[in-house]
Structure formats: structure tokens, C-alpha cells
Amino acid sequence: MEGSRGGSEQGTLRSGEDGRLEAIQVWRRCSSCKQEIACGATYWTCSVSTCNRKRTALAFCTVSCWDAHLPVARHRESWAEEQKAPREPEASAKPEARAAVPTSANESQPSDAPRRRRIVRPDAPKSDGIPREVLIVTSRLKDYVRARAGFSTSDRVLGPLSEIVRKVCDEAIANASREGRKTILDRDIPDL
């Protein structure tokens, strides 16, 4: 975008086609080169969802600026998506505009009332003295799944698999203690 760097985010000057200076409203700055993106202008976004989250919200003035973020982002597969900036500066940048949006849980609250923050804490760990760590070797599991089916494995499967291993171990402990042993043998492991 041509024009002077002077001015605030609300507006700046640029040379028009006839050589006169015209005021433009700035929507955002390019995430790569920091050049201004005017309201109503074409800009590009990344196709990868992590680049488009509310906190990240990357916007690029050209495809080459989008291309410049790839070495840092290290996406497996991505492309630039052409977008159109809003005609007017975003109202969502103002805090009162965000508070006016009703949510299903707070629809009875007046729109000018401050939104309450709700803090959710995870359940307290069981205090029975039994460790609750992950019992699965992550790299070995991922190698097995990739070799067996060519699939990727999410880290979130480790918790449920550890619970399955705990249940099997509890059964093996019960089987060994029924036979009066303090050592778990292969025959104590139940068939699945």
C-alpha cells in the first residue's frame, strides 16, 4: 500500500490516481511487513486454522508476505486465501461492542453489564497415593500406529490408554494375590 507511515491506526494519507492526497482508513497492518491494510482492500490469510485464531489472526498484504511466514510456521500443507477487509474499521476492537454480544448463558444480563469471568479448575487429583501419570511410552506408541496403519496419533489418547493399562494391572494384581503371590506373571494378565 502506498502512502506515508505517519498518522494513527484510524487513518493515513496516500496518493490518489490524480496525484492528490486522500485519507484512507487503516483496517490492520500486515503480519509480515507491517504495511497498512486499508479498509475495503484485498488481503490474504493462511489456510491453516492456527494462523486464523482470534489471538493470532494473521493478515498479509501480499501473497509474498504470506509466503514469508511459512518458514516460521512450518505448516505441512497450506495456501493463501484471498479476503476482503471490512469497509469500516472493526467495531469489535472496542470493548463495549464485544460486551453487547449476548451469549446463550448470559442472555438475561443487560448488554452494558460487565461480563463475568468464569474460572474452571480441573478435578482434584485422587489422594489415594496411587500415581496418575501417563503409563504409555509416547514415541513407541506413535511408531507402532504409523507402521501398522500409517496414521498419526494425538497426544490425547495417552490418558485413556493409561487408564486401560491401569485396569488391566489392577486385574492382574487381584489374580496374583488370589494365588498368594507378590509378583505379577504373564498368566495374571486377563485376555482382552
N, C-alpha and C. Protein backbone atom coordinates (compact mmCIF):
# COMPACT_ATOMS: atom_id res chain seq x y z
N MET A 1 0.84 -1.15 0.00
CA MET A 1 0.00 0.00 0.00
C MET A 1 0.89 1.22 0.00
N GLU A 2 0.62 2.16 -0.88
CA GLU A 2 1.42 3.37 -0.95
C GLU A 2 0.99 4.31 0.15
N GLY A 3 1.86 5.28 0.45
CA GLY A 3 1.42 6.30 1.39
C GLY A 3 2.40 6.51 2.49
N SER A 4 2.11 7.52 3.26
CA SER A 4 3.01 7.86 4.35
C SER A 4 2.76 6.95 5.52
N ARG A 5 3.78 6.80 6.31
CA ARG A 5 3.65 5.99 7.52
C ARG A 5 3.11 6.83 8.66
N GLY A 6 3.08 8.13 8.48
CA GLY A 6 2.60 8.99 9.55
C GLY A 6 1.12 8.82 9.77
N GLY A 7 0.65 9.18 10.93
CA GLY A 7 -0.78 9.07 11.21
C GLY A 7 -1.03 7.94 12.16
N SER A 8 -2.26 7.85 12.63
CA SER A 8 -2.62 6.82 13.58
C SER A 8 -3.23 5.64 12.84
N GLU A 9 -3.63 4.64 13.59
CA GLU A 9 -4.26 3.49 13.00
C GLU A 9 -5.63 3.85 12.42
N GLN A 10 -6.20 4.96 12.83
CA GLN A 10 -7.53 5.34 12.36
C GLN A 10 -7.52 5.85 10.94
N GLY A 11 -6.43 6.44 10.48
CA GLY A 11 -6.40 6.94 9.12
C GLY A 11 -5.00 7.39 8.75
N THR A 12 -4.75 7.43 7.44
CA THR A 12 -3.47 7.87 6.94
C THR A 12 -3.70 8.48 5.57
N LEU A 13 -2.66 9.05 4.98
CA LEU A 13 -2.78 9.68 3.68
C LEU A 13 -2.07 8.85 2.64
N ARG A 14 -2.63 8.84 1.42
CA ARG A 14 -1.95 8.19 0.31
C ARG A 14 -2.23 8.98 -0.94
N SER A 15 -1.37 8.78 -1.95
CA SER A 15 -1.53 9.49 -3.21
C SER A 15 -2.59 8.80 -4.03
N GLY A 16 -3.55 9.57 -4.51
CA GLY A 16 -4.60 9.03 -5.37
C GLY A 16 -4.11 8.91 -6.79
N GLU A 17 -4.98 8.44 -7.69
CA GLU A 17 -4.60 8.28 -9.09
C GLU A 17 -4.29 9.62 -9.75
N ASP A 18 -4.96 10.69 -9.30
CA ASP A 18 -4.75 12.01 -9.90
C ASP A 18 -3.63 12.78 -9.21
N GLY A 19 -2.90 12.17 -8.28
CA GLY A 19 -1.77 12.82 -7.62
C GLY A 19 -2.14 13.53 -6.33
N ARG A 20 -3.43 13.69 -6.04
CA ARG A 20 -3.84 14.35 -4.80
C ARG A 20 -3.76 13.36 -3.64
N LEU A 21 -3.56 13.91 -2.45
CA LEU A 21 -3.54 13.09 -1.26
C LEU A 21 -4.97 12.82 -0.83
N GLU A 22 -5.25 11.56 -0.50
CA GLU A 22 -6.56 11.21 0.02
C GLU A 22 -6.39 10.48 1.34
N ALA A 23 -7.35 10.66 2.23
CA ALA A 23 -7.30 10.00 3.54
C ALA A 23 -7.88 8.59 3.40
N ILE A 24 -7.19 7.61 3.97
CA ILE A 24 -7.71 6.24 3.98
C ILE A 24 -7.82 5.79 5.43
N GLN A 25 -8.72 4.86 5.63
CA GLN A 25 -8.86 4.28 6.97
C GLN A 25 -8.11 2.96 6.99
N VAL A 26 -7.30 2.78 7.99
CA VAL A 26 -6.49 1.58 8.12
C VAL A 26 -7.28 0.53 8.89
N TRP A 27 -7.37 -0.66 8.30
CA TRP A 27 -8.06 -1.77 8.98
C TRP A 27 -7.10 -2.49 9.90
N ARG A 28 -5.94 -2.90 9.38
CA ARG A 28 -4.91 -3.61 10.13
C ARG A 28 -3.56 -3.39 9.48
N ARG A 29 -2.54 -3.94 10.09
CA ARG A 29 -1.21 -3.94 9.49
C ARG A 29 -0.88 -5.37 9.08
N CYS A 30 -0.09 -5.49 8.04
CA CYS A 30 0.35 -6.80 7.56
C CYS A 30 1.15 -7.49 8.66
N SER A 31 0.88 -8.75 8.88
CA SER A 31 1.56 -9.51 9.94
C SER A 31 3.02 -9.75 9.61
N SER A 32 3.41 -9.61 8.36
CA SER A 32 4.79 -9.86 7.97
C SER A 32 5.59 -8.57 7.83
N CYS A 33 5.16 -7.67 6.94
CA CYS A 33 5.95 -6.47 6.66
C CYS A 33 5.46 -5.24 7.43
N LYS A 34 4.34 -5.35 8.14
CA LYS A 34 3.76 -4.27 8.96
C LYS A 34 3.25 -3.09 8.12
N GLN A 35 3.07 -3.31 6.83
CA GLN A 35 2.49 -2.26 5.99
C GLN A 35 0.99 -2.20 6.27
N GLU A 36 0.40 -1.04 6.08
CA GLU A 36 -1.01 -0.85 6.39
C GLU A 36 -1.91 -1.54 5.37
N ILE A 37 -2.99 -2.15 5.87
CA ILE A 37 -4.02 -2.73 5.00
C ILE A 37 -5.24 -1.85 5.19
N ALA A 38 -5.68 -1.20 4.12
CA ALA A 38 -6.79 -0.25 4.20
C ALA A 38 -8.13 -0.98 4.32
N CYS A 39 -9.12 -0.29 4.83
CA CYS A 39 -10.47 -0.82 4.88
C CYS A 39 -10.95 -1.04 3.44
N GLY A 40 -11.57 -2.18 3.19
CA GLY A 40 -12.08 -2.50 1.86
C GLY A 40 -11.03 -3.07 0.93
N ALA A 41 -9.78 -3.15 1.34
CA ALA A 41 -8.70 -3.65 0.48
C ALA A 41 -8.67 -5.18 0.49
N THR A 42 -8.02 -5.75 -0.50
CA THR A 42 -7.81 -7.19 -0.57
C THR A 42 -6.60 -7.54 0.29
N TYR A 43 -6.73 -8.61 1.04
CA TYR A 43 -5.61 -9.11 1.83
C TYR A 43 -5.66 -10.62 1.79
N TRP A 44 -4.64 -11.29 2.33
CA TRP A 44 -4.57 -12.75 2.30
C TRP A 44 -4.42 -13.30 3.70
N THR A 45 -5.02 -14.47 3.91
CA THR A 45 -4.88 -15.18 5.17
C THR A 45 -4.32 -16.57 4.89
N CYS A 46 -3.84 -17.21 5.92
CA CYS A 46 -3.31 -18.56 5.79
C CYS A 46 -4.46 -19.56 5.92
N SER A 47 -4.39 -20.65 5.21
CA SER A 47 -5.45 -21.66 5.25
C SER A 47 -5.40 -22.49 6.53
N VAL A 48 -4.32 -22.44 7.28
CA VAL A 48 -4.16 -23.26 8.48
C VAL A 48 -4.88 -22.58 9.65
N SER A 49 -5.68 -23.36 10.37
CA SER A 49 -6.53 -22.80 11.41
C SER A 49 -5.75 -22.12 12.54
N THR A 50 -4.55 -22.60 12.86
CA THR A 50 -3.80 -21.98 13.95
C THR A 50 -3.35 -20.56 13.61
N CYS A 51 -3.26 -20.24 12.34
CA CYS A 51 -2.91 -18.88 11.94
C CYS A 51 -4.13 -17.96 11.94
N ASN A 52 -5.34 -18.52 12.05
CA ASN A 52 -6.55 -17.73 11.98
C ASN A 52 -7.31 -17.66 13.30
N ARG A 53 -6.69 -18.10 14.37
CA ARG A 53 -7.36 -18.00 15.67
C ARG A 53 -7.53 -16.55 16.07
N LYS A 54 -8.42 -16.32 17.01
CA LYS A 54 -8.73 -14.96 17.42
C LYS A 54 -7.49 -14.20 17.90
N ARG A 55 -6.65 -14.86 18.67
CA ARG A 55 -5.45 -14.19 19.19
C ARG A 55 -4.38 -14.01 18.14
N THR A 56 -4.28 -14.94 17.20
CA THR A 56 -3.24 -14.85 16.18
C THR A 56 -3.71 -13.97 15.04
N ALA A 57 -4.77 -14.37 14.36
CA ALA A 57 -5.42 -13.64 13.27
C ALA A 57 -4.42 -12.98 12.33
N LEU A 58 -3.61 -13.79 11.68
CA LEU A 58 -2.63 -13.24 10.75
C LEU A 58 -3.31 -12.73 9.49
N ALA A 59 -2.87 -11.57 9.01
CA ALA A 59 -3.37 -10.97 7.77
C ALA A 59 -2.16 -10.46 7.00
N PHE A 60 -2.13 -10.72 5.70
CA PHE A 60 -0.97 -10.37 4.88
C PHE A 60 -1.41 -9.49 3.72
N CYS A 61 -0.57 -8.48 3.40
CA CYS A 61 -0.93 -7.53 2.34
C CYS A 61 -0.68 -8.12 0.95
N THR A 62 0.23 -9.07 0.82
CA THR A 62 0.51 -9.72 -0.46
C THR A 62 0.75 -11.20 -0.24
N VAL A 63 0.72 -11.96 -1.33
CA VAL A 63 1.00 -13.39 -1.23
C VAL A 63 2.46 -13.61 -0.84
N SER A 64 3.35 -12.74 -1.26
CA SER A 64 4.76 -12.90 -0.87
C SER A 64 4.94 -12.68 0.64
N CYS A 65 4.15 -11.81 1.25
CA CYS A 65 4.21 -11.65 2.71
C CYS A 65 3.68 -12.92 3.39
N TRP A 66 2.61 -13.51 2.83
CA TRP A 66 2.10 -14.77 3.36
C TRP A 66 3.19 -15.84 3.26
N ASP A 67 3.87 -15.89 2.11
CA ASP A 67 4.92 -16.88 1.87
C ASP A 67 6.07 -16.71 2.87
N ALA A 68 6.32 -15.48 3.30
CA ALA A 68 7.43 -15.21 4.23
C ALA A 68 7.18 -15.82 5.62
N HIS A 69 5.91 -16.07 5.98
CA HIS A 69 5.64 -16.63 7.31
C HIS A 69 5.78 -18.16 7.34
N LEU A 70 5.88 -18.81 6.19
CA LEU A 70 5.92 -20.27 6.14
C LEU A 70 7.14 -20.89 6.82
N PRO A 71 8.36 -20.35 6.66
CA PRO A 71 9.49 -20.98 7.35
C PRO A 71 9.34 -20.98 8.87
N VAL A 72 8.69 -19.98 9.41
CA VAL A 72 8.49 -19.91 10.86
C VAL A 72 7.35 -20.83 11.29
N ALA A 73 6.26 -20.84 10.52
CA ALA A 73 5.07 -21.60 10.89
C ALA A 73 5.23 -23.10 10.65
N ARG A 74 6.03 -23.49 9.68
CA ARG A 74 6.30 -24.89 9.36
C ARG A 74 5.02 -25.72 9.17
N HIS A 75 4.11 -25.22 8.33
CA HIS A 75 2.89 -25.97 8.03
C HIS A 75 3.22 -27.12 7.10
N ARG A 76 2.47 -28.20 7.23
CA ARG A 76 2.66 -29.33 6.31
C ARG A 76 2.06 -28.98 4.94
N GLU A 77 0.85 -28.46 4.96
CA GLU A 77 0.18 -28.11 3.71
C GLU A 77 -0.63 -26.85 3.98
N SER A 78 -0.40 -25.82 3.18
CA SER A 78 -1.14 -24.57 3.37
C SER A 78 -1.19 -23.80 2.07
N TRP A 79 -2.07 -22.83 2.02
CA TRP A 79 -2.19 -21.94 0.88
C TRP A 79 -2.73 -20.60 1.36
N ALA A 80 -2.55 -19.58 0.53
CA ALA A 80 -3.04 -18.23 0.86
C ALA A 80 -4.48 -18.10 0.38
N GLU A 81 -5.34 -17.59 1.23
CA GLU A 81 -6.74 -17.38 0.86
C GLU A 81 -7.00 -15.89 0.75
N GLU A 82 -7.56 -15.49 -0.38
CA GLU A 82 -7.83 -14.07 -0.61
C GLU A 82 -9.07 -13.66 0.18
N GLN A 83 -8.97 -12.52 0.85
CA GLN A 83 -10.06 -11.99 1.67
C GLN A 83 -10.27 -10.52 1.33
N LYS A 84 -11.37 -9.98 1.77
CA LYS A 84 -11.66 -8.56 1.60
C LYS A 84 -11.81 -7.93 2.99
N ALA A 85 -11.05 -6.88 3.25
CA ALA A 85 -11.13 -6.20 4.55
C ALA A 85 -12.48 -5.50 4.67
N PRO A 86 -12.99 -5.33 5.89
CA PRO A 86 -14.26 -4.63 6.06
C PRO A 86 -14.15 -3.18 5.57
N ARG A 87 -15.26 -2.62 5.16
CA ARG A 87 -15.28 -1.25 4.63
C ARG A 87 -15.01 -0.21 5.72
N GLU A 88 -15.33 -0.54 6.95
CA GLU A 88 -15.11 0.38 8.08
C GLU A 88 -14.24 -0.33 9.11
N PRO A 89 -13.52 0.46 9.95
CA PRO A 89 -12.72 -0.19 11.00
C PRO A 89 -13.61 -1.06 11.88
N GLU A 90 -13.01 -2.15 12.36
CA GLU A 90 -13.78 -3.12 13.15
C GLU A 90 -14.35 -2.51 14.41
N ALA A 91 -15.62 -2.78 14.63
CA ALA A 91 -16.25 -2.35 15.88
C ALA A 91 -15.87 -3.30 17.01
N SER A 92 -15.42 -4.51 16.65
CA SER A 92 -15.07 -5.49 17.68
C SER A 92 -13.82 -5.10 18.44
N ALA A 93 -13.09 -4.10 17.93
CA ALA A 93 -11.90 -3.65 18.65
C ALA A 93 -12.29 -2.85 19.88
N LYS A 94 -13.52 -2.35 19.90
CA LYS A 94 -13.98 -1.58 21.05
C LYS A 94 -14.56 -2.54 22.08
N PRO A 95 -14.20 -2.39 23.36
CA PRO A 95 -14.67 -3.33 24.37
C PRO A 95 -16.18 -3.32 24.54
N GLU A 96 -16.83 -2.17 24.37
CA GLU A 96 -18.28 -2.13 24.57
C GLU A 96 -19.00 -2.89 23.48
N ALA A 97 -18.41 -3.00 22.30
CA ALA A 97 -19.04 -3.75 21.22
C ALA A 97 -19.00 -5.24 21.54
N ARG A 98 -17.92 -5.73 22.13
CA ARG A 98 -17.82 -7.14 22.48
C ARG A 98 -18.79 -7.49 23.59
N ALA A 99 -18.98 -6.61 24.55
CA ALA A 99 -19.87 -6.89 25.67
C ALA A 99 -21.32 -6.92 25.23
N ALA A 100 -21.65 -6.28 24.12
CA ALA A 100 -23.03 -6.21 23.67
C ALA A 100 -23.49 -7.50 23.01
N VAL A 101 -22.60 -8.38 22.66
CA VAL A 101 -22.98 -9.63 22.01
C VAL A 101 -23.49 -10.58 23.07
N PRO A 102 -24.79 -10.96 23.01
CA PRO A 102 -25.31 -11.86 24.04
C PRO A 102 -24.85 -13.28 23.81
N THR A 103 -24.65 -14.00 24.89
CA THR A 103 -24.35 -15.41 24.79
C THR A 103 -25.55 -16.17 25.31
N SER A 104 -25.63 -17.43 24.98
CA SER A 104 -26.81 -18.20 25.38
C SER A 104 -26.92 -18.30 26.90
N ALA A 105 -25.79 -18.32 27.59
CA ALA A 105 -25.83 -18.44 29.05
C ALA A 105 -26.14 -17.11 29.73
N ASN A 106 -25.83 -15.99 29.10
CA ASN A 106 -25.98 -14.69 29.73
C ASN A 106 -27.00 -13.81 29.02
N GLU A 107 -28.02 -14.36 28.35
CA GLU A 107 -28.94 -13.54 27.60
C GLU A 107 -29.80 -12.67 28.52
N SER A 108 -29.99 -13.08 29.76
CA SER A 108 -30.79 -12.28 30.67
C SER A 108 -30.02 -11.08 31.21
N GLN A 109 -28.69 -11.08 31.05
CA GLN A 109 -27.87 -9.98 31.52
C GLN A 109 -28.02 -8.78 30.60
N PRO A 110 -28.11 -7.56 31.14
CA PRO A 110 -28.14 -6.40 30.26
C PRO A 110 -26.84 -6.28 29.48
N SER A 111 -26.92 -5.72 28.26
CA SER A 111 -25.76 -5.69 27.39
C SER A 111 -24.67 -4.75 27.90
N ASP A 112 -25.01 -3.77 28.74
CA ASP A 112 -23.99 -2.85 29.23
C ASP A 112 -23.32 -3.35 30.52
N ALA A 113 -23.80 -4.47 31.05
CA ALA A 113 -23.21 -5.02 32.27
C ALA A 113 -21.88 -5.68 31.94
N PRO A 114 -20.91 -5.58 32.83
CA PRO A 114 -19.62 -6.22 32.56
C PRO A 114 -19.78 -7.75 32.57
N ARG A 115 -19.05 -8.40 31.69
CA ARG A 115 -19.13 -9.85 31.61
C ARG A 115 -18.31 -10.46 32.73
N ARG A 116 -18.86 -11.46 33.37
CA ARG A 116 -18.17 -12.13 34.46
C ARG A 116 -17.27 -13.21 33.91
N ARG A 117 -16.14 -13.34 34.49
CA ARG A 117 -15.18 -14.34 34.09
C ARG A 117 -15.40 -15.60 34.91
N ARG A 118 -15.47 -16.73 34.25
CA ARG A 118 -15.70 -17.99 34.94
C ARG A 118 -14.43 -18.82 34.88
N ILE A 119 -13.92 -19.20 36.03
CA ILE A 119 -12.69 -19.98 36.09
C ILE A 119 -13.07 -21.42 36.40
N VAL A 120 -12.64 -22.33 35.54
CA VAL A 120 -12.92 -23.74 35.71
C VAL A 120 -11.62 -24.43 36.05
N ARG A 121 -11.60 -25.07 37.18
CA ARG A 121 -10.40 -25.77 37.62
C ARG A 121 -10.56 -27.27 37.33
N PRO A 122 -9.48 -27.94 37.00
CA PRO A 122 -9.58 -29.39 36.79
C PRO A 122 -9.89 -30.09 38.10
N ASP A 123 -10.44 -31.28 37.98
CA ASP A 123 -10.75 -32.05 39.18
C ASP A 123 -9.48 -32.27 40.00
N ALA A 124 -9.65 -32.27 41.30
CA ALA A 124 -8.50 -32.50 42.18
C ALA A 124 -8.01 -33.93 42.00
N PRO A 125 -6.71 -34.12 42.00
CA PRO A 125 -6.20 -35.48 41.84
C PRO A 125 -6.62 -36.35 43.00
N LYS A 126 -6.81 -37.62 42.71
CA LYS A 126 -7.22 -38.55 43.77
C LYS A 126 -6.09 -38.66 44.78
N SER A 127 -6.47 -38.64 46.05
CA SER A 127 -5.46 -38.63 47.10
C SER A 127 -5.24 -40.02 47.68
N ASP A 128 -5.39 -41.07 46.87
CA ASP A 128 -5.19 -42.42 47.38
C ASP A 128 -3.73 -42.86 47.30
N GLY A 129 -2.84 -41.94 46.89
CA GLY A 129 -1.42 -42.24 46.86
C GLY A 129 -0.97 -43.00 45.62
N ILE A 130 -1.89 -43.32 44.72
CA ILE A 130 -1.54 -44.05 43.50
C ILE A 130 -1.19 -43.03 42.43
N PRO A 131 -0.02 -43.16 41.79
CA PRO A 131 0.37 -42.19 40.76
C PRO A 131 -0.58 -42.25 39.56
N ARG A 132 -0.85 -41.09 38.98
CA ARG A 132 -1.77 -40.99 37.85
C ARG A 132 -1.08 -40.47 36.59
N GLU A 133 0.22 -40.74 36.46
CA GLU A 133 0.94 -40.29 35.28
C GLU A 133 0.58 -41.15 34.08
N VAL A 134 1.05 -40.71 32.93
CA VAL A 134 0.87 -41.47 31.70
C VAL A 134 1.77 -42.71 31.77
N LEU A 135 1.20 -43.85 31.47
CA LEU A 135 1.93 -45.12 31.56
C LEU A 135 2.40 -45.62 30.20
N ILE A 136 2.11 -44.88 29.16
CA ILE A 136 2.42 -45.30 27.79
C ILE A 136 3.65 -44.54 27.30
N VAL A 137 4.56 -45.22 26.64
CA VAL A 137 5.71 -44.56 26.02
C VAL A 137 5.23 -43.97 24.70
N THR A 138 5.17 -42.66 24.64
CA THR A 138 4.57 -41.95 23.52
C THR A 138 5.24 -42.29 22.19
N SER A 139 6.53 -42.22 22.14
CA SER A 139 7.22 -42.43 20.86
C SER A 139 7.00 -43.85 20.35
N ARG A 140 7.00 -44.83 21.24
CA ARG A 140 6.80 -46.22 20.81
C ARG A 140 5.38 -46.41 20.28
N LEU A 141 4.40 -45.83 20.95
CA LEU A 141 3.01 -45.94 20.51
C LEU A 141 2.83 -45.30 19.14
N LYS A 142 3.37 -44.09 18.98
CA LYS A 142 3.24 -43.39 17.69
C LYS A 142 3.95 -44.16 16.58
N ASP A 143 5.12 -44.74 16.86
CA ASP A 143 5.82 -45.54 15.86
C ASP A 143 5.00 -46.75 15.45
N TYR A 144 4.39 -47.41 16.44
CA TYR A 144 3.58 -48.60 16.15
C TYR A 144 2.39 -48.25 15.26
N VAL A 145 1.65 -47.21 15.63
CA VAL A 145 0.46 -46.83 14.87
C VAL A 145 0.83 -46.42 13.45
N ARG A 146 1.92 -45.66 13.32
CA ARG A 146 2.35 -45.23 11.98
C ARG A 146 2.77 -46.43 11.14
N ALA A 147 3.51 -47.40 11.73
CA ALA A 147 3.95 -48.58 10.99
C ALA A 147 2.78 -49.50 10.65
N ARG A 148 1.83 -49.61 11.56
CA ARG A 148 0.71 -50.53 11.38
C ARG A 148 -0.32 -50.01 10.38
N ALA A 149 -0.66 -48.70 10.47
CA ALA A 149 -1.75 -48.18 9.64
C ALA A 149 -1.40 -46.91 8.89
N GLY A 150 -0.23 -46.31 9.17
CA GLY A 150 0.12 -45.06 8.51
C GLY A 150 -0.61 -43.86 9.10
N PHE A 151 -1.19 -44.02 10.28
CA PHE A 151 -1.94 -42.95 10.92
C PHE A 151 -1.04 -42.14 11.84
N SER A 152 -1.48 -40.91 12.12
CA SER A 152 -0.85 -40.11 13.16
C SER A 152 -1.59 -40.38 14.46
N THR A 153 -0.94 -40.07 15.59
CA THR A 153 -1.54 -40.31 16.89
C THR A 153 -1.54 -39.03 17.70
N SER A 154 -2.69 -38.66 18.20
CA SER A 154 -2.82 -37.48 19.05
C SER A 154 -2.28 -37.78 20.44
N ASP A 155 -1.73 -36.77 21.09
CA ASP A 155 -1.25 -36.95 22.46
C ASP A 155 -2.39 -37.19 23.44
N ARG A 156 -3.60 -36.86 23.02
CA ARG A 156 -4.75 -37.01 23.92
C ARG A 156 -5.17 -38.46 24.11
N VAL A 157 -4.65 -39.39 23.31
CA VAL A 157 -5.00 -40.80 23.50
C VAL A 157 -4.21 -41.43 24.64
N LEU A 158 -3.16 -40.77 25.08
CA LEU A 158 -2.30 -41.35 26.12
C LEU A 158 -3.02 -41.51 27.45
N GLY A 159 -3.85 -40.56 27.82
CA GLY A 159 -4.60 -40.64 29.08
C GLY A 159 -5.56 -41.82 29.11
N PRO A 160 -6.45 -41.94 28.09
CA PRO A 160 -7.37 -43.10 28.08
C PRO A 160 -6.64 -44.44 27.99
N LEU A 161 -5.57 -44.51 27.20
CA LEU A 161 -4.82 -45.77 27.13
C LEU A 161 -4.17 -46.09 28.47
N SER A 162 -3.69 -45.09 29.18
CA SER A 162 -3.11 -45.32 30.50
C SER A 162 -4.16 -45.86 31.47
N GLU A 163 -5.40 -45.38 31.36
CA GLU A 163 -6.48 -45.88 32.22
C GLU A 163 -6.76 -47.35 31.92
N ILE A 164 -6.74 -47.73 30.63
CA ILE A 164 -6.94 -49.13 30.26
C ILE A 164 -5.83 -50.00 30.85
N VAL A 165 -4.58 -49.52 30.77
CA VAL A 165 -3.45 -50.27 31.33
C VAL A 165 -3.61 -50.40 32.85
N ARG A 166 -4.07 -49.32 33.51
CA ARG A 166 -4.28 -49.39 34.97
C ARG A 166 -5.31 -50.46 35.33
N LYS A 167 -6.41 -50.52 34.56
CA LYS A 167 -7.47 -51.51 34.84
C LYS A 167 -6.94 -52.92 34.65
N VAL A 168 -6.18 -53.13 33.59
CA VAL A 168 -5.60 -54.46 33.34
C VAL A 168 -4.63 -54.81 34.47
N CYS A 169 -3.82 -53.85 34.90
CA CYS A 169 -2.87 -54.08 36.00
C CYS A 169 -3.61 -54.40 37.30
N ASP A 170 -4.71 -53.68 37.56
CA ASP A 170 -5.49 -53.95 38.78
C ASP A 170 -6.03 -55.38 38.78
N GLU A 171 -6.49 -55.85 37.60
CA GLU A 171 -6.97 -57.22 37.49
C GLU A 171 -5.83 -58.22 37.69
N ALA A 172 -4.67 -57.91 37.12
CA ALA A 172 -3.51 -58.80 37.28
C ALA A 172 -3.06 -58.86 38.74
N ILE A 173 -3.12 -57.74 39.44
CA ILE A 173 -2.77 -57.70 40.87
C ILE A 173 -3.72 -58.59 41.66
N ALA A 174 -5.03 -58.49 41.34
CA ALA A 174 -6.02 -59.31 42.03
C ALA A 174 -5.78 -60.80 41.76
N ASN A 175 -5.45 -61.13 40.50
CA ASN A 175 -5.19 -62.55 40.16
C ASN A 175 -3.96 -63.07 40.90
N ALA A 176 -2.89 -62.28 40.97
CA ALA A 176 -1.67 -62.71 41.66
C ALA A 176 -1.91 -62.85 43.16
N SER A 177 -2.64 -61.92 43.75
CA SER A 177 -2.88 -62.00 45.20
C SER A 177 -3.81 -63.16 45.55
N ARG A 178 -4.72 -63.54 44.64
CA ARG A 178 -5.58 -64.72 44.89
C ARG A 178 -4.74 -65.99 44.98
N GLU A 179 -3.64 -66.03 44.24
CA GLU A 179 -2.76 -67.20 44.25
C GLU A 179 -1.66 -67.05 45.31
N GLY A 180 -1.71 -65.98 46.10
CA GLY A 180 -0.78 -65.80 47.20
C GLY A 180 0.59 -65.32 46.77
N ARG A 181 0.71 -64.70 45.60
CA ARG A 181 2.00 -64.19 45.12
C ARG A 181 2.05 -62.68 45.22
N LYS A 182 3.28 -62.17 45.30
CA LYS A 182 3.51 -60.72 45.28
C LYS A 182 4.18 -60.30 43.98
N THR A 183 4.18 -61.19 43.01
CA THR A 183 4.78 -60.92 41.70
C THR A 183 3.73 -61.19 40.63
N ILE A 184 3.55 -60.24 39.74
CA ILE A 184 2.61 -60.42 38.64
C ILE A 184 3.33 -61.17 37.52
N LEU A 185 2.72 -62.24 37.08
CA LEU A 185 3.26 -63.04 35.98
C LEU A 185 2.40 -62.84 34.73
N ASP A 186 2.90 -63.33 33.61
CA ASP A 186 2.15 -63.16 32.37
C ASP A 186 0.78 -63.83 32.42
N ARG A 187 0.66 -64.90 33.19
CA ARG A 187 -0.63 -65.59 33.27
C ARG A 187 -1.67 -64.80 34.08
N ASP A 188 -1.22 -63.78 34.83
CA ASP A 188 -2.15 -62.95 35.59
C ASP A 188 -2.85 -61.90 34.72
N ILE A 189 -2.30 -61.62 33.56
CA ILE A 189 -2.87 -60.61 32.67
C ILE A 189 -4.12 -61.20 32.03
N PRO A 190 -5.28 -60.53 32.16
CA PRO A 190 -6.52 -61.08 31.59
C PRO A 190 -6.52 -60.99 30.06
N ASP A 191 -7.22 -61.91 29.43
CA ASP A 191 -7.38 -61.87 27.98
C ASP A 191 -8.32 -60.73 27.60
N LEU A 192 -7.99 -60.05 26.53
CA LEU A 192 -8.84 -58.93 26.08
C LEU A 192 -9.79 -59.36 25.01
